[in-house]
Amino acid sequence: MTETTSMNNIQTQIDEELANARAVCDVKGGASGECAAAWDAVEELQAEAAHQKQTKPKNSFEKYCDDNPDAAECRLYED
């Protein structure tokens, strides 16, 4: 799954949870436990989306070294 696909999937889930939270809060009331739980679910998905945005994608060289860890140019030397 590509990063864009993953972000689109999370955004879709966020949109669904937002709609659910609004519906639950309209029915149960804004001070209910169910309303708070529904908004917690939204916040968790938003936090995951923010976390995924922070993860930088690997460049071509990093991908090459992942596939070829024994290649001379991928060796790591420690002092």
PDB file of N, CA and C in Angstrom:
ATOM      1  N   MET A   1       0.843  -1.171   0.000  1.00  0.00           N
ATOM      2  CA  MET A   1       0.000   0.000   0.000  1.00  0.00           C
ATOM      3  C   MET A   1       0.893   1.241   0.000  1.00  0.00           C
ATOM      4  N   THR A   2       0.620   2.171  -0.862  1.00  0.00           N
ATOM      5  CA  THR A   2       1.442   3.368  -0.925  1.00  0.00           C
ATOM      6  C   THR A   2       1.046   4.327   0.184  1.00  0.00           C
ATOM      7  N   GLU A   3       1.928   5.289   0.424  1.00  0.00           N
ATOM      8  CA  GLU A   3       1.674   6.257   1.486  1.00  0.00           C
ATOM      9  C   GLU A   3       0.420   7.079   1.184  1.00  0.00           C
ATOM     10  N   THR A   4       0.226   7.446  -0.075  1.00  0.00           N
ATOM     11  CA  THR A   4      -0.947   8.227  -0.460  1.00  0.00           C
ATOM     12  C   THR A   4      -2.219   7.434  -0.237  1.00  0.00           C
ATOM     13  N   THR A   5      -2.204   6.162  -0.607  1.00  0.00           N
ATOM     14  CA  THR A   5      -3.362   5.310  -0.396  1.00  0.00           C
ATOM     15  C   THR A   5      -3.663   5.180   1.088  1.00  0.00           C
ATOM     16  N   SER A   6      -2.629   5.016   1.884  1.00  0.00           N
ATOM     17  CA  SER A   6      -2.798   4.887   3.321  1.00  0.00           C
ATOM     18  C   SER A   6      -3.397   6.157   3.908  1.00  0.00           C
ATOM     19  N   MET A   7      -2.904   7.321   3.481  1.00  0.00           N
ATOM     20  CA  MET A   7      -3.424   8.585   3.986  1.00  0.00           C
ATOM     21  C   MET A   7      -4.874   8.779   3.552  1.00  0.00           C
ATOM     22  N   ASN A   8      -5.213   8.387   2.316  1.00  0.00           N
ATOM     23  CA  ASN A   8      -6.596   8.499   1.850  1.00  0.00           C
ATOM     24  C   ASN A   8      -7.503   7.603   2.673  1.00  0.00           C
ATOM     25  N   ASN A   9      -7.017   6.402   3.006  1.00  0.00           N
ATOM     26  CA  ASN A   9      -7.792   5.465   3.807  1.00  0.00           C
ATOM     27  C   ASN A   9      -8.039   6.039   5.197  1.00  0.00           C
ATOM     28  N   ILE A  10      -7.019   6.608   5.808  1.00  0.00           N
ATOM     29  CA  ILE A  10      -7.186   7.189   7.145  1.00  0.00           C
ATOM     30  C   ILE A  10      -8.132   8.376   7.086  1.00  0.00           C
ATOM     31  N   GLN A  11      -8.005   9.205   6.037  1.00  0.00           N
ATOM     32  CA  GLN A  11      -8.898  10.354   5.917  1.00  0.00           C
ATOM     33  C   GLN A  11     -10.345   9.898   5.766  1.00  0.00           C
ATOM     34  N   THR A  12     -10.562   8.821   5.026  1.00  0.00           N
ATOM     35  CA  THR A  12     -11.913   8.266   4.878  1.00  0.00           C
ATOM     36  C   THR A  12     -12.437   7.805   6.236  1.00  0.00           C
ATOM     37  N   GLN A  13     -11.589   7.120   7.011  1.00  0.00           N
ATOM     38  CA  GLN A  13     -11.989   6.672   8.338  1.00  0.00           C
ATOM     39  C   GLN A  13     -12.290   7.855   9.248  1.00  0.00           C
ATOM     40  N   ILE A  14     -11.481   8.911   9.158  1.00  0.00           N
ATOM     41  CA  ILE A  14     -11.716  10.104   9.977  1.00  0.00           C
ATOM     42  C   ILE A  14     -13.072  10.708   9.624  1.00  0.00           C
ATOM     43  N   ASP A  15     -13.351  10.820   8.336  1.00  0.00           N
ATOM     44  CA  ASP A  15     -14.635  11.376   7.901  1.00  0.00           C
ATOM     45  C   ASP A  15     -15.810  10.550   8.423  1.00  0.00           C
ATOM     46  N   GLU A  16     -15.668   9.222   8.383  1.00  0.00           N
ATOM     47  CA  GLU A  16     -16.725   8.343   8.881  1.00  0.00           C
ATOM     48  C   GLU A  16     -16.912   8.506  10.392  1.00  0.00           C
ATOM     49  N   GLU A  17     -15.788   8.564  11.115  1.00  0.00           N
ATOM     50  CA  GLU A  17     -15.869   8.712  12.572  1.00  0.00           C
ATOM     51  C   GLU A  17     -16.411  10.090  12.966  1.00  0.00           C
ATOM     52  N   LEU A  18     -16.093  11.119  12.185  1.00  0.00           N
ATOM     53  CA  LEU A  18     -16.650  12.446  12.451  1.00  0.00           C
ATOM     54  C   LEU A  18     -18.173  12.421  12.330  1.00  0.00           C
ATOM     55  N   ALA A  19     -18.656  11.814  11.255  1.00  0.00           N
ATOM     56  CA  ALA A  19     -20.101  11.704  11.054  1.00  0.00           C
ATOM     57  C   ALA A  19     -20.736  10.903  12.181  1.00  0.00           C
ATOM     58  N   ASN A  20     -20.070   9.819  12.586  1.00  0.00           N
ATOM     59  CA  ASN A  20     -20.580   8.991  13.674  1.00  0.00           C
ATOM     60  C   ASN A  20     -20.613   9.774  14.980  1.00  0.00           C
ATOM     61  N   ALA A  21     -19.551  10.518  15.265  1.00  0.00           N
ATOM     62  CA  ALA A  21     -19.487  11.285  16.515  1.00  0.00           C
ATOM     63  C   ALA A  21     -20.595  12.330  16.562  1.00  0.00           C
ATOM     64  N   ARG A  22     -20.797  13.006  15.455  1.00  0.00           N
ATOM     65  CA  ARG A  22     -21.874  14.011  15.416  1.00  0.00           C
ATOM     66  C   ARG A  22     -23.238  13.372  15.640  1.00  0.00           C
ATOM     67  N   ALA A  23     -23.465  12.220  15.003  1.00  0.00           N
ATOM     68  CA  ALA A  23     -24.752  11.531  15.151  1.00  0.00           C
ATOM     69  C   ALA A  23     -24.960  11.054  16.583  1.00  0.00           C
ATOM     70  N   VAL A  24     -23.925  10.453  17.170  1.00  0.00           N
ATOM     71  CA  VAL A  24     -24.029   9.952  18.544  1.00  0.00           C
ATOM     72  C   VAL A  24     -24.298  11.101  19.505  1.00  0.00           C
ATOM     73  N   CYS A  25     -23.597  12.208  19.326  1.00  0.00           N
ATOM     74  CA  CYS A  25     -23.757  13.349  20.229  1.00  0.00           C
ATOM     75  C   CYS A  25     -25.125  14.005  20.060  1.00  0.00           C
ATOM     76  N   ASP A  26     -25.674  13.982  18.841  1.00  0.00           N
ATOM     77  CA  ASP A  26     -27.021  14.517  18.634  1.00  0.00           C
ATOM     78  C   ASP A  26     -28.064  13.675  19.357  1.00  0.00           C
ATOM     79  N   VAL A  27     -27.872  12.357  19.337  1.00  0.00           N
ATOM     80  CA  VAL A  27     -28.839  11.451  19.952  1.00  0.00           C
ATOM     81  C   VAL A  27     -28.646  11.355  21.463  1.00  0.00           C
ATOM     82  N   LYS A  28     -27.411  11.136  21.900  1.00  0.00           N
ATOM     83  CA  LYS A  28     -27.128  10.879  23.318  1.00  0.00           C
ATOM     84  C   LYS A  28     -26.870  12.146  24.121  1.00  0.00           C
ATOM     85  N   GLY A  29     -26.546  13.233  23.448  1.00  0.00           N
ATOM     86  CA  GLY A  29     -26.226  14.471  24.154  1.00  0.00           C
ATOM     87  C   GLY A  29     -24.725  14.670  24.247  1.00  0.00           C
ATOM     88  N   GLY A  30     -24.334  15.937  24.259  1.00  0.00           N
ATOM     89  CA  GLY A  30     -22.928  16.283  24.257  1.00  0.00           C
ATOM     90  C   GLY A  30     -22.176  15.895  25.511  1.00  0.00           C
ATOM     91  N   ALA A  31     -22.865  15.680  26.605  1.00  0.00           N
ATOM     92  CA  ALA A  31     -22.202  15.349  27.868  1.00  0.00           C
ATOM     93  C   ALA A  31     -22.173  13.846  28.148  1.00  0.00           C
ATOM     94  N   SER A  32     -22.650  13.050  27.213  1.00  0.00           N
ATOM     95  CA  SER A  32     -22.715  11.603  27.448  1.00  0.00           C
ATOM     96  C   SER A  32     -21.361  10.937  27.248  1.00  0.00           C
ATOM     97  N   GLY A  33     -21.194   9.794  27.856  1.00  0.00           N
ATOM     98  CA  GLY A  33     -19.980   9.009  27.695  1.00  0.00           C
ATOM     99  C   GLY A  33     -19.820   8.508  26.270  1.00  0.00           C
ATOM    100  N   GLU A  34     -20.935   8.176  25.633  1.00  0.00           N
ATOM    101  CA  GLU A  34     -20.878   7.699  24.257  1.00  0.00           C
ATOM    102  C   GLU A  34     -20.351   8.794  23.325  1.00  0.00           C
ATOM    103  N   CYS A  35     -20.759  10.033  23.572  1.00  0.00           N
ATOM    104  CA  CYS A  35     -20.303  11.163  22.765  1.00  0.00           C
ATOM    105  C   CYS A  35     -18.793  11.353  22.949  1.00  0.00           C
ATOM    106  N   ALA A  36     -18.346  11.308  24.190  1.00  0.00           N
ATOM    107  CA  ALA A  36     -16.916  11.468  24.473  1.00  0.00           C
ATOM    108  C   ALA A  36     -16.106  10.356  23.814  1.00  0.00           C
ATOM    109  N   ALA A  37     -16.590   9.134  23.874  1.00  0.00           N
ATOM    110  CA  ALA A  37     -15.891   7.998  23.269  1.00  0.00           C
ATOM    111  C   ALA A  37     -15.821   8.146  21.749  1.00  0.00           C
ATOM    112  N   ALA A  38     -16.897   8.638  21.153  1.00  0.00           N
ATOM    113  CA  ALA A  38     -16.917   8.821  19.698  1.00  0.00           C
ATOM    114  C   ALA A  38     -15.882   9.867  19.277  1.00  0.00           C
ATOM    115  N   TRP A  39     -15.762  10.949  20.044  1.00  0.00           N
ATOM    116  CA  TRP A  39     -14.770  11.974  19.712  1.00  0.00           C
ATOM    117  C   TRP A  39     -13.357  11.488  20.000  1.00  0.00           C
ATOM    118  N   ASP A  40     -13.200  10.617  20.985  1.00  0.00           N
ATOM    119  CA  ASP A  40     -11.878  10.017  21.238  1.00  0.00           C
ATOM    120  C   ASP A  40     -11.416   9.208  20.033  1.00  0.00           C
ATOM    121  N   ALA A  41     -12.343   8.494  19.413  1.00  0.00           N
ATOM    122  CA  ALA A  41     -12.006   7.700  18.229  1.00  0.00           C
ATOM    123  C   ALA A  41     -11.538   8.614  17.094  1.00  0.00           C
ATOM    124  N   VAL A  42     -12.205   9.758  16.939  1.00  0.00           N
ATOM    125  CA  VAL A  42     -11.802  10.728  15.911  1.00  0.00           C
ATOM    126  C   VAL A  42     -10.393  11.235  16.203  1.00  0.00           C
ATOM    127  N   GLU A  43     -10.137  11.595  17.452  1.00  0.00           N
ATOM    128  CA  GLU A  43      -8.824  12.126  17.831  1.00  0.00           C
ATOM    129  C   GLU A  43      -7.710  11.109  17.612  1.00  0.00           C
ATOM    130  N   GLU A  44      -7.971   9.841  17.904  1.00  0.00           N
ATOM    131  CA  GLU A  44      -6.963   8.802  17.694  1.00  0.00           C
ATOM    132  C   GLU A  44      -6.608   8.658  16.219  1.00  0.00           C
ATOM    133  N   LEU A  45      -7.615   8.692  15.352  1.00  0.00           N
ATOM    134  CA  LEU A  45      -7.351   8.594  13.917  1.00  0.00           C
ATOM    135  C   LEU A  45      -6.601   9.825  13.412  1.00  0.00           C
ATOM    136  N   GLN A  46      -6.950  10.997  13.931  1.00  0.00           N
ATOM    137  CA  GLN A  46      -6.243  12.209  13.516  1.00  0.00           C
ATOM    138  C   GLN A  46      -4.785  12.164  13.967  1.00  0.00           C
ATOM    139  N   ALA A  47      -4.541  11.630  15.152  1.00  0.00           N
ATOM    140  CA  ALA A  47      -3.172  11.497  15.646  1.00  0.00           C
ATOM    141  C   ALA A  47      -2.379  10.531  14.768  1.00  0.00           C
ATOM    142  N   GLU A  48      -2.989   9.437  14.357  1.00  0.00           N
ATOM    143  CA  GLU A  48      -2.319   8.475  13.476  1.00  0.00           C
ATOM    144  C   GLU A  48      -2.001   9.110  12.130  1.00  0.00           C
ATOM    145  N   ALA A  49      -2.929   9.894  11.602  1.00  0.00           N
ATOM    146  CA  ALA A  49      -2.685  10.572  10.326  1.00  0.00           C
ATOM    147  C   ALA A  49      -1.515  11.543  10.457  1.00  0.00           C
ATOM    148  N   ALA A  50      -1.454  12.268  11.551  1.00  0.00           N
ATOM    149  CA  ALA A  50      -0.350  13.204  11.772  1.00  0.00           C
ATOM    150  C   ALA A  50       0.975  12.458  11.895  1.00  0.00           C
ATOM    151  N   HIS A  51       0.944  11.319  12.569  1.00  0.00           N
ATOM    152  CA  HIS A  51       2.153  10.509  12.730  1.00  0.00           C
ATOM    153  C   HIS A  51       2.653  10.012  11.369  1.00  0.00           C
ATOM    154  N   GLN A  52       1.748   9.564  10.530  1.00  0.00           N
ATOM    155  CA  GLN A  52       2.144   9.052   9.215  1.00  0.00           C
ATOM    156  C   GLN A  52       2.708  10.153   8.328  1.00  0.00           C
ATOM    157  N   LYS A  53       2.227  11.380   8.499  1.00  0.00           N
ATOM    158  CA  LYS A  53       2.758  12.493   7.715  1.00  0.00           C
ATOM    159  C   LYS A  53       4.184  12.811   8.127  1.00  0.00           C
ATOM    160  N   GLN A  54       4.532  12.552   9.392  1.00  0.00           N
ATOM    161  CA  GLN A  54       5.859  12.854   9.887  1.00  0.00           C
ATOM    162  C   GLN A  54       6.903  11.865   9.383  1.00  0.00           C
ATOM    163  N   THR A  55       6.491  10.670   9.056  1.00  0.00           N
ATOM    164  CA  THR A  55       7.415   9.646   8.586  1.00  0.00           C
ATOM    165  C   THR A  55       7.844   9.988   7.165  1.00  0.00           C
ATOM    166  N   LYS A  56       9.148  10.248   7.010  1.00  0.00           N
ATOM    167  CA  LYS A  56       9.608  10.630   5.680  1.00  0.00           C
ATOM    168  C   LYS A  56       9.785   9.382   4.828  1.00  0.00           C
ATOM    169  N   PRO A  57       9.407   9.470   3.567  1.00  0.00           N
ATOM    170  CA  PRO A  57       9.572   8.315   2.681  1.00  0.00           C
ATOM    171  C   PRO A  57      11.053   8.084   2.383  1.00  0.00           C
ATOM    172  N   LYS A  58      11.376   6.825   2.112  1.00  0.00           N
ATOM    173  CA  LYS A  58      12.762   6.470   1.798  1.00  0.00           C
ATOM    174  C   LYS A  58      13.114   6.929   0.388  1.00  0.00           C
ATOM    175  N   ASN A  59      14.359   7.372   0.241  1.00  0.00           N
ATOM    176  CA  ASN A  59      14.819   7.746  -1.094  1.00  0.00           C
ATOM    177  C   ASN A  59      15.281   6.487  -1.843  1.00  0.00           C
ATOM    178  N   SER A  60      15.657   6.663  -3.086  1.00  0.00           N
ATOM    179  CA  SER A  60      16.048   5.523  -3.929  1.00  0.00           C
ATOM    180  C   SER A  60      17.230   4.759  -3.348  1.00  0.00           C
ATOM    181  N   PHE A  61      18.200   5.488  -2.812  1.00  0.00           N
ATOM    182  CA  PHE A  61      19.380   4.837  -2.249  1.00  0.00           C
ATOM    183  C   PHE A  61      19.010   3.994  -1.030  1.00  0.00           C
ATOM    184  N   GLU A  62      18.158   4.518  -0.163  1.00  0.00           N
ATOM    185  CA  GLU A  62      17.736   3.762   1.024  1.00  0.00           C
ATOM    186  C   GLU A  62      16.979   2.496   0.620  1.00  0.00           C
ATOM    187  N   LYS A  63      16.147   2.600  -0.389  1.00  0.00           N
ATOM    188  CA  LYS A  63      15.426   1.419  -0.881  1.00  0.00           C
ATOM    189  C   LYS A  63      16.403   0.390  -1.452  1.00  0.00           C
ATOM    190  N   TYR A  64      17.392   0.883  -2.208  1.00  0.00           N
ATOM    191  CA  TYR A  64      18.407  -0.004  -2.780  1.00  0.00           C
ATOM    192  C   TYR A  64      19.144  -0.755  -1.677  1.00  0.00           C
ATOM    193  N   CYS A  65      19.551  -0.036  -0.638  1.00  0.00           N
ATOM    194  CA  CYS A  65      20.289  -0.667   0.466  1.00  0.00           C
ATOM    195  C   CYS A  65      19.415  -1.647   1.247  1.00  0.00           C
ATOM    196  N   ASP A  66      18.123  -1.372   1.341  1.00  0.00           N
ATOM    197  CA  ASP A  66      17.219  -2.327   1.980  1.00  0.00           C
ATOM    198  C   ASP A  66      17.193  -3.639   1.190  1.00  0.00           C
ATOM    199  N   ASP A  67      17.203  -3.514  -0.135  1.00  0.00           N
ATOM    200  CA  ASP A  67      17.158  -4.697  -1.001  1.00  0.00           C
ATOM    201  C   ASP A  67      18.515  -5.371  -1.156  1.00  0.00           C
ATOM    202  N   ASN A  68      19.599  -4.607  -0.962  1.00  0.00           N
ATOM    203  CA  ASN A  68      20.962  -5.109  -1.172  1.00  0.00           C
ATOM    204  C   ASN A  68      21.863  -4.717  -0.007  1.00  0.00           C
ATOM    205  N   PRO A  69      21.624  -5.257   1.172  1.00  0.00           N
ATOM    206  CA  PRO A  69      22.382  -4.812   2.341  1.00  0.00           C
ATOM    207  C   PRO A  69      23.875  -5.137   2.268  1.00  0.00           C
ATOM    208  N   ASP A  70      24.282  -6.086   1.440  1.00  0.00           N
ATOM    209  CA  ASP A  70      25.696  -6.448   1.333  1.00  0.00           C
ATOM    210  C   ASP A  70      26.439  -5.661   0.265  1.00  0.00           C
ATOM    211  N   ALA A  71      25.777  -4.767  -0.438  1.00  0.00           N
ATOM    212  CA  ALA A  71      26.440  -3.965  -1.468  1.00  0.00           C
ATOM    213  C   ALA A  71      27.485  -3.067  -0.812  1.00  0.00           C
ATOM    214  N   ALA A  72      28.587  -2.860  -1.501  1.00  0.00           N
ATOM    215  CA  ALA A  72      29.707  -2.075  -0.953  1.00  0.00           C
ATOM    216  C   ALA A  72      29.261  -0.682  -0.532  1.00  0.00           C
ATOM    217  N   GLU A  73      28.429  -0.045  -1.336  1.00  0.00           N
ATOM    218  CA  GLU A  73      28.012   1.321  -1.016  1.00  0.00           C
ATOM    219  C   GLU A  73      27.021   1.400   0.154  1.00  0.00           C
ATOM    220  N   CYS A  74      26.533   0.264   0.599  1.00  0.00           N
ATOM    221  CA  CYS A  74      25.570   0.235   1.704  1.00  0.00           C
ATOM    222  C   CYS A  74      26.194  -0.171   3.033  1.00  0.00           C
ATOM    223  N   ARG A  75      27.473  -0.471   3.014  1.00  0.00           N
ATOM    224  CA  ARG A  75      28.140  -0.896   4.248  1.00  0.00           C
ATOM    225  C   ARG A  75      28.256   0.276   5.217  1.00  0.00           C
ATOM    226  N   LEU A  76      28.091  -0.038   6.474  1.00  0.00           N
ATOM    227  CA  LEU A  76      28.236   0.959   7.529  1.00  0.00           C
ATOM    228  C   LEU A  76      29.503   0.648   8.316  1.00  0.00           C
ATOM    229  N   TYR A  77      30.312   1.654   8.501  1.00  0.00           N
ATOM    230  CA  TYR A  77      31.554   1.508   9.251  1.00  0.00           C
ATOM    231  C   TYR A  77      31.447   2.304  10.544  1.00  0.00           C
ATOM    232  N   GLU A  78      31.810   1.682  11.639  1.00  0.00           N
ATOM    233  CA  GLU A  78      31.783   2.363  12.911  1.00  0.00           C
ATOM    234  C   GLU A  78      33.201   2.697  13.334  1.00  0.00           C
ATOM    235  N   ASP A  79      33.393   3.867  13.882  1.00  0.00           N
ATOM    236  CA  ASP A  79      34.728   4.282  14.328  1.00  0.00           C
ATOM    237  C   ASP A  79      35.048   3.689  15.679  1.00  0.00           C
TER     238      ASP A  79
END
